[in-house]
N, C-alpha and C. Protein backbone atom coordinates (compact mmCIF):
# COMPACT_ATOMS: atom_id res chain seq x y z
N MET A 1 0.60 -1.11 -0.26
CA MET A 1 0.28 0.20 0.10
C MET A 1 0.67 1.06 0.01
N PHE A 2 0.02 2.30 -0.89
CA PHE A 2 0.37 3.47 -0.24
C PHE A 2 -0.31 4.85 -0.13
N GLU A 3 0.44 5.87 0.79
CA GLU A 3 0.00 7.63 0.91
C GLU A 3 -0.74 7.81 -0.54
N VAL A 4 -1.73 8.36 -0.64
CA VAL A 4 -1.97 9.99 -1.70
C VAL A 4 -2.45 10.97 -0.71
N GLN A 5 -2.39 11.70 -1.28
CA GLN A 5 -2.22 12.82 -0.36
C GLN A 5 -3.17 13.97 -1.50
N MET A 6 -4.35 14.47 -0.87
CA MET A 6 -4.74 15.65 -1.88
C MET A 6 -5.19 17.37 -0.96
N ILE A 7 -4.59 17.91 -1.73
CA ILE A 7 -4.78 19.48 -1.15
C ILE A 7 -6.41 19.82 -1.14
N ILE A 8 -7.58 20.32 -0.55
CA ILE A 8 -8.38 20.35 -0.80
C ILE A 8 -8.05 21.80 0.23
N PRO A 9 -9.14 23.78 -0.74
CA PRO A 9 -8.98 24.62 0.15
C PRO A 9 -10.17 24.77 0.54
N LEU A 10 -9.64 25.72 1.71
CA LEU A 10 -11.23 25.85 3.15
C LEU A 10 -11.54 27.00 1.95
N ALA A 11 -11.68 27.80 1.16
CA ALA A 11 -11.81 29.00 0.80
C ALA A 11 -11.87 29.18 -0.63
N ASP A 12 -12.40 29.53 -1.43
CA ASP A 12 -12.32 29.48 -2.73
C ASP A 12 -11.16 31.58 -3.48
N ASN A 13 -11.07 31.71 -4.54
CA ASN A 13 -10.70 32.40 -4.58
C ASN A 13 -10.85 33.34 -4.19
N ASP A 14 -11.71 33.97 -4.01
CA ASP A 14 -12.57 35.26 -3.28
C ASP A 14 -12.30 35.53 -2.39
N GLY A 15 -11.92 34.30 -1.19
CA GLY A 15 -12.10 34.43 0.33
C GLY A 15 -13.74 33.56 1.08
N GLU A 16 -14.03 32.71 -0.32
CA GLU A 16 -15.68 32.69 0.70
C GLU A 16 -15.49 30.69 1.09
N SER A 17 -15.33 31.26 2.10
CA SER A 17 -15.13 29.85 2.82
C SER A 17 -16.51 28.74 2.36
N PHE A 18 -15.97 27.17 1.75
CA PHE A 18 -16.70 26.31 1.51
C PHE A 18 -17.36 25.28 2.92
N GLY A 19 -18.73 25.85 3.14
CA GLY A 19 -19.73 25.14 3.60
C GLY A 19 -19.54 23.52 4.17
N PRO A 20 -19.38 23.34 5.14
CA PRO A 20 -19.52 21.44 5.41
C PRO A 20 -20.27 20.48 4.77
N GLU A 21 -21.23 21.23 3.99
CA GLU A 21 -21.74 20.48 3.15
C GLU A 21 -20.80 19.95 1.92
N LEU A 22 -20.40 20.95 1.61
CA LEU A 22 -19.02 20.69 0.59
C LEU A 22 -18.27 19.27 0.96
N PHE A 23 -17.51 19.45 2.22
CA PHE A 23 -16.68 18.46 2.39
C PHE A 23 -17.71 17.23 2.54
N ALA A 24 -18.77 17.85 3.28
CA ALA A 24 -19.50 15.68 3.19
C ALA A 24 -19.66 15.61 2.28
N SER A 25 -19.61 16.35 1.05
CA SER A 25 -19.99 15.50 -0.62
C SER A 25 -18.68 14.79 -0.71
N TYR A 26 -17.79 15.80 -0.59
CA TYR A 26 -16.45 15.14 -1.21
C TYR A 26 -15.94 13.55 -0.07
N GLU A 27 -15.70 14.20 0.90
CA GLU A 27 -15.73 13.08 1.96
C GLU A 27 -16.85 11.33 1.28
N ALA A 28 -17.75 11.66 0.85
CA ALA A 28 -18.75 10.41 0.82
C ALA A 28 -17.83 10.03 -0.49
N THR A 29 -18.12 11.15 -1.76
CA THR A 29 -16.98 10.66 -2.81
C THR A 29 -15.76 10.51 -2.62
N ALA A 30 -14.73 10.35 -1.86
CA ALA A 30 -13.91 9.58 -1.66
C ALA A 30 -13.95 8.19 -0.82
N VAL A 31 -14.91 8.40 0.14
CA VAL A 31 -15.55 6.94 0.01
C VAL A 31 -15.95 5.89 -0.64
N GLU A 32 -16.62 6.30 -1.59
CA GLU A 32 -17.58 5.66 -2.50
C GLU A 32 -15.62 4.85 -3.81
N LEU A 33 -15.30 6.12 -4.14
CA LEU A 33 -13.92 5.71 -5.12
C LEU A 33 -12.75 4.90 -4.44
N LEU A 34 -12.64 5.50 -2.81
CA LEU A 34 -11.17 4.67 -2.73
C LEU A 34 -11.16 3.98 -1.51
N GLY A 35 -12.73 3.85 -1.21
CA GLY A 35 -13.05 3.19 -0.16
C GLY A 35 -12.62 3.71 1.61
N GLY A 36 -12.23 5.05 1.93
CA GLY A 36 -12.41 5.82 2.62
C GLY A 36 -11.19 6.68 2.95
N PHE A 37 -11.44 7.92 3.72
CA PHE A 37 -9.81 8.67 3.70
C PHE A 37 -9.78 9.01 5.10
N THR A 38 -7.95 9.91 5.54
CA THR A 38 -7.83 10.15 6.96
C THR A 38 -7.79 12.01 6.75
N LEU A 39 -8.26 13.06 7.10
CA LEU A 39 -7.89 14.15 7.38
C LEU A 39 -6.96 14.65 8.47
N TYR A 40 -5.87 15.14 8.01
CA TYR A 40 -5.12 15.46 8.74
C TYR A 40 -5.32 16.61 9.60
N PRO A 41 -5.11 16.81 11.03
CA PRO A 41 -5.85 17.72 12.25
C PRO A 41 -5.39 19.56 11.56
N ALA A 42 -4.60 19.26 11.24
CA ALA A 42 -4.25 20.81 10.85
C ALA A 42 -4.22 21.56 9.55
N SER A 43 -4.31 22.57 9.22
CA SER A 43 -4.53 22.96 8.23
C SER A 43 -3.16 23.34 8.20
N VAL A 44 -3.07 23.47 6.32
CA VAL A 44 -1.70 24.13 6.04
C VAL A 44 -1.97 25.37 4.96
N LEU A 45 -0.95 26.18 4.91
CA LEU A 45 -0.96 27.14 3.89
C LEU A 45 -0.36 27.55 2.98
N GLY A 46 -0.86 27.73 2.17
CA GLY A 46 0.33 27.47 0.47
C GLY A 46 0.11 28.97 -0.18
N GLY A 47 0.51 28.97 -0.88
CA GLY A 47 0.75 30.53 -1.96
C GLY A 47 0.79 29.94 -3.30
N TRP A 48 0.66 30.69 -4.38
CA TRP A 48 1.13 31.01 -6.29
C TRP A 48 0.66 31.77 -6.10
N ARG A 49 0.90 32.02 -7.69
CA ARG A 49 0.63 33.59 -8.85
C ARG A 49 0.11 33.20 -9.78
N ASP A 50 -1.45 33.31 -9.49
CA ASP A 50 -2.36 33.27 -10.37
C ASP A 50 -2.22 33.96 -12.24
N GLY A 51 -3.06 32.92 -12.76
CA GLY A 51 -2.62 33.71 -13.76
C GLY A 51 -2.90 34.92 -14.56
N ALA A 52 -3.15 35.83 -13.60
CA ALA A 52 -3.61 37.34 -14.02
C ALA A 52 -2.48 37.96 -12.74
N GLY A 53 -1.59 37.40 -13.29
CA GLY A 53 0.15 37.88 -11.57
C GLY A 53 -0.45 38.04 -10.42
N ARG A 54 -1.68 37.60 -10.23
CA ARG A 54 -1.66 37.62 -8.46
C ARG A 54 -0.84 37.11 -7.66
N ASP A 55 -0.52 37.27 -6.52
CA ASP A 55 -0.29 36.19 -5.33
C ASP A 55 -0.99 35.65 -4.81
N VAL A 56 -1.29 34.79 -4.22
CA VAL A 56 -3.03 34.19 -3.98
C VAL A 56 -2.41 33.45 -2.91
N ARG A 57 -2.87 33.46 -1.98
CA ARG A 57 -2.57 32.92 -0.52
C ARG A 57 -4.13 32.24 -0.22
N ASP A 58 -3.88 30.64 0.78
CA ASP A 58 -4.68 30.14 1.30
C ASP A 58 -4.46 28.84 2.08
N SER A 59 -5.70 28.63 3.26
CA SER A 59 -5.15 27.79 4.21
C SER A 59 -6.12 26.55 3.10
N SER A 60 -5.90 25.49 3.52
CA SER A 60 -6.74 23.98 3.08
C SER A 60 -6.11 23.01 3.80
N ARG A 61 -7.17 22.00 3.23
CA ARG A 61 -7.12 20.69 4.72
C ARG A 61 -6.41 19.66 3.65
N VAL A 62 -5.35 18.71 4.23
CA VAL A 62 -5.07 17.56 3.74
C VAL A 62 -5.52 16.46 3.99
N TYR A 63 -6.03 15.68 2.85
CA TYR A 63 -6.42 14.50 2.78
C TYR A 63 -5.50 13.66 2.60
N ALA A 64 -5.14 12.28 2.80
CA ALA A 64 -4.88 10.88 2.45
C ALA A 64 -5.72 9.90 2.30
N PHE A 65 -5.57 9.06 1.89
CA PHE A 65 -5.95 7.66 1.36
C PHE A 65 -4.93 6.69 1.02
N ALA A 66 -4.66 5.86 1.58
CA ALA A 66 -4.47 3.97 1.50
C ALA A 66 -4.46 3.24 0.35
N ILE A 67 -3.85 3.67 -0.72
CA ILE A 67 -3.76 3.03 -1.97
C ILE A 67 -3.22 1.81 -2.42
N GLY A 68 -4.27 0.77 -2.17
CA GLY A 68 -3.75 -0.87 -2.51
C GLY A 68 -2.20 -0.94 -3.74
N SER A 69 -2.68 -0.43 -4.83
CA SER A 69 -2.77 -0.27 -6.26
C SER A 69 -2.49 0.47 -7.00
N ILE A 70 -1.25 1.02 -7.71
CA ILE A 70 -1.07 1.57 -9.19
C ILE A 70 -3.13 2.07 -9.60
N ALA A 71 -2.96 0.81 -9.90
CA ALA A 71 -4.19 0.18 -10.93
C ALA A 71 -5.52 1.46 -10.07
N GLN A 72 -5.68 1.87 -9.08
CA GLN A 72 -6.73 2.80 -8.21
C GLN A 72 -6.30 4.22 -8.49
N GLY A 73 -5.50 4.54 -9.62
CA GLY A 73 -5.28 5.97 -9.81
C GLY A 73 -6.25 6.75 -10.88
N GLY A 74 -6.54 5.76 -11.70
CA GLY A 74 -8.01 6.51 -12.11
C GLY A 74 -9.03 6.92 -11.15
N ALA A 75 -9.43 6.03 -10.37
CA ALA A 75 -10.11 6.84 -8.94
C ALA A 75 -9.61 7.72 -7.98
N VAL A 76 -8.48 7.88 -8.19
CA VAL A 76 -7.45 9.19 -7.78
C VAL A 76 -8.09 10.38 -8.52
N VAL A 77 -7.70 10.09 -9.61
CA VAL A 77 -7.42 11.19 -10.49
C VAL A 77 -9.36 11.97 -10.59
N ALA A 78 -10.24 10.88 -10.99
CA ALA A 78 -11.60 11.03 -10.82
C ALA A 78 -12.03 12.06 -9.23
N LEU A 79 -11.43 11.32 -8.09
CA LEU A 79 -11.73 12.62 -7.08
C LEU A 79 -11.08 13.23 -7.28
N ALA A 80 -9.79 13.96 -7.87
CA ALA A 80 -9.39 15.54 -7.91
C ALA A 80 -10.45 15.85 -9.06
N ARG A 81 -10.79 15.32 -9.99
CA ARG A 81 -11.63 16.54 -10.78
C ARG A 81 -12.79 16.93 -10.72
N PHE A 82 -13.48 15.55 -9.91
CA PHE A 82 -14.16 15.70 -8.56
C PHE A 82 -14.58 17.13 -7.54
N SER A 83 -12.94 17.49 -7.42
CA SER A 83 -12.78 18.71 -6.12
C SER A 83 -13.03 19.04 -7.47
N CYS A 84 -12.07 19.59 -8.64
CA CYS A 84 -12.26 20.86 -9.28
C CYS A 84 -13.25 21.46 -9.76
N ALA A 85 -14.50 20.80 -9.77
CA ALA A 85 -15.57 21.05 -10.14
C ALA A 85 -16.37 21.36 -8.70
N LEU A 86 -16.30 20.52 -7.41
CA LEU A 86 -17.06 21.32 -6.69
C LEU A 86 -16.67 21.85 -5.31
N PHE A 87 -15.17 22.40 -5.37
CA PHE A 87 -14.56 23.93 -5.13
C PHE A 87 -14.40 24.26 -5.75
N ARG A 88 -14.92 24.27 -6.90
CA ARG A 88 -14.23 25.56 -8.07
C ARG A 88 -12.80 25.56 -8.37
N GLN A 89 -12.19 25.05 -8.47
CA GLN A 89 -11.31 24.72 -8.29
C GLN A 89 -10.46 24.91 -9.93
N ASP A 90 -8.87 25.44 -10.03
CA ASP A 90 -8.65 25.51 -11.93
C ASP A 90 -7.70 23.88 -11.20
N ALA A 91 -7.27 23.44 -10.14
CA ALA A 91 -6.27 22.70 -10.10
C ALA A 91 -6.78 21.82 -8.96
N ILE A 92 -6.26 20.96 -8.69
CA ILE A 92 -5.90 19.71 -7.63
C ILE A 92 -4.36 19.89 -7.30
N PHE A 93 -4.49 20.10 -6.16
CA PHE A 93 -2.75 19.55 -6.02
C PHE A 93 -2.69 17.80 -5.32
N ILE A 94 -2.30 17.07 -5.72
CA ILE A 94 -1.98 15.57 -5.14
C ILE A 94 -0.55 15.30 -4.96
N ARG A 95 -0.30 14.21 -4.13
CA ARG A 95 1.53 13.69 -3.55
C ARG A 95 0.83 12.11 -3.91
N TYR A 96 1.89 11.35 -4.13
CA TYR A 96 1.80 10.23 -4.23
C TYR A 96 3.26 9.58 -4.18
N LEU A 97 3.37 8.59 -3.57
CA LEU A 97 5.34 7.63 -3.94
C LEU A 97 6.21 9.14 -3.98
N GLY A 98 6.27 9.73 -3.26
CA GLY A 98 7.19 10.90 -2.90
C GLY A 98 6.87 11.90 -3.92
N LEU A 99 6.52 11.83 -4.98
CA LEU A 99 5.82 12.90 -6.02
C LEU A 99 5.08 13.87 -6.05
N ALA A 100 4.88 14.82 -6.30
CA ALA A 100 3.46 15.91 -6.72
C ALA A 100 3.21 15.67 -7.80
N GLU A 101 2.20 16.54 -8.20
CA GLU A 101 1.23 16.46 -9.41
C GLU A 101 0.64 17.26 -9.46
N ILE A 102 0.08 17.77 -10.09
CA ILE A 102 -1.56 19.23 -10.43
C ILE A 102 -2.82 18.10 -11.27
N ILE A 103 -3.55 17.89 -10.86
CA ILE A 103 -4.79 17.29 -11.50
C ILE A 103 -5.72 18.26 -11.79
N LEU A 104 -6.12 18.84 -13.70
CA LEU A 104 -6.75 20.05 -13.49
C LEU A 104 -8.26 18.89 -14.31
N PRO A 105 -8.86 20.01 -13.96
CA PRO A 105 -10.26 19.46 -14.80
C PRO A 105 -10.57 18.38 -15.99
N ALA A 106 -11.16 17.85 -16.25
CA ALA A 106 -11.69 17.01 -16.98
C ALA A 106 -11.72 17.74 -18.60
């Protein structure tokens, strides 16, 4: 088994916080696609430069998933793309096997 981590923001790019119902939907989909999840107890801070040249900062949750095989990679990508739509994101950051990747919407 190996761990996959997915970074999910607490608010959109305009600073509007996501409600508990969005996280409940995300978590239910994570259980459906990957069998379960772990939510790390502390939020993480991040930043990047957007397409308009603005520096953006945000706080995010870190979710972890135990993956039994690389064959489940499609389910990880499906969850990341679902997350893009649900949380109105241009991309979702994931980390696995010591690597990082940005997943874009379909």
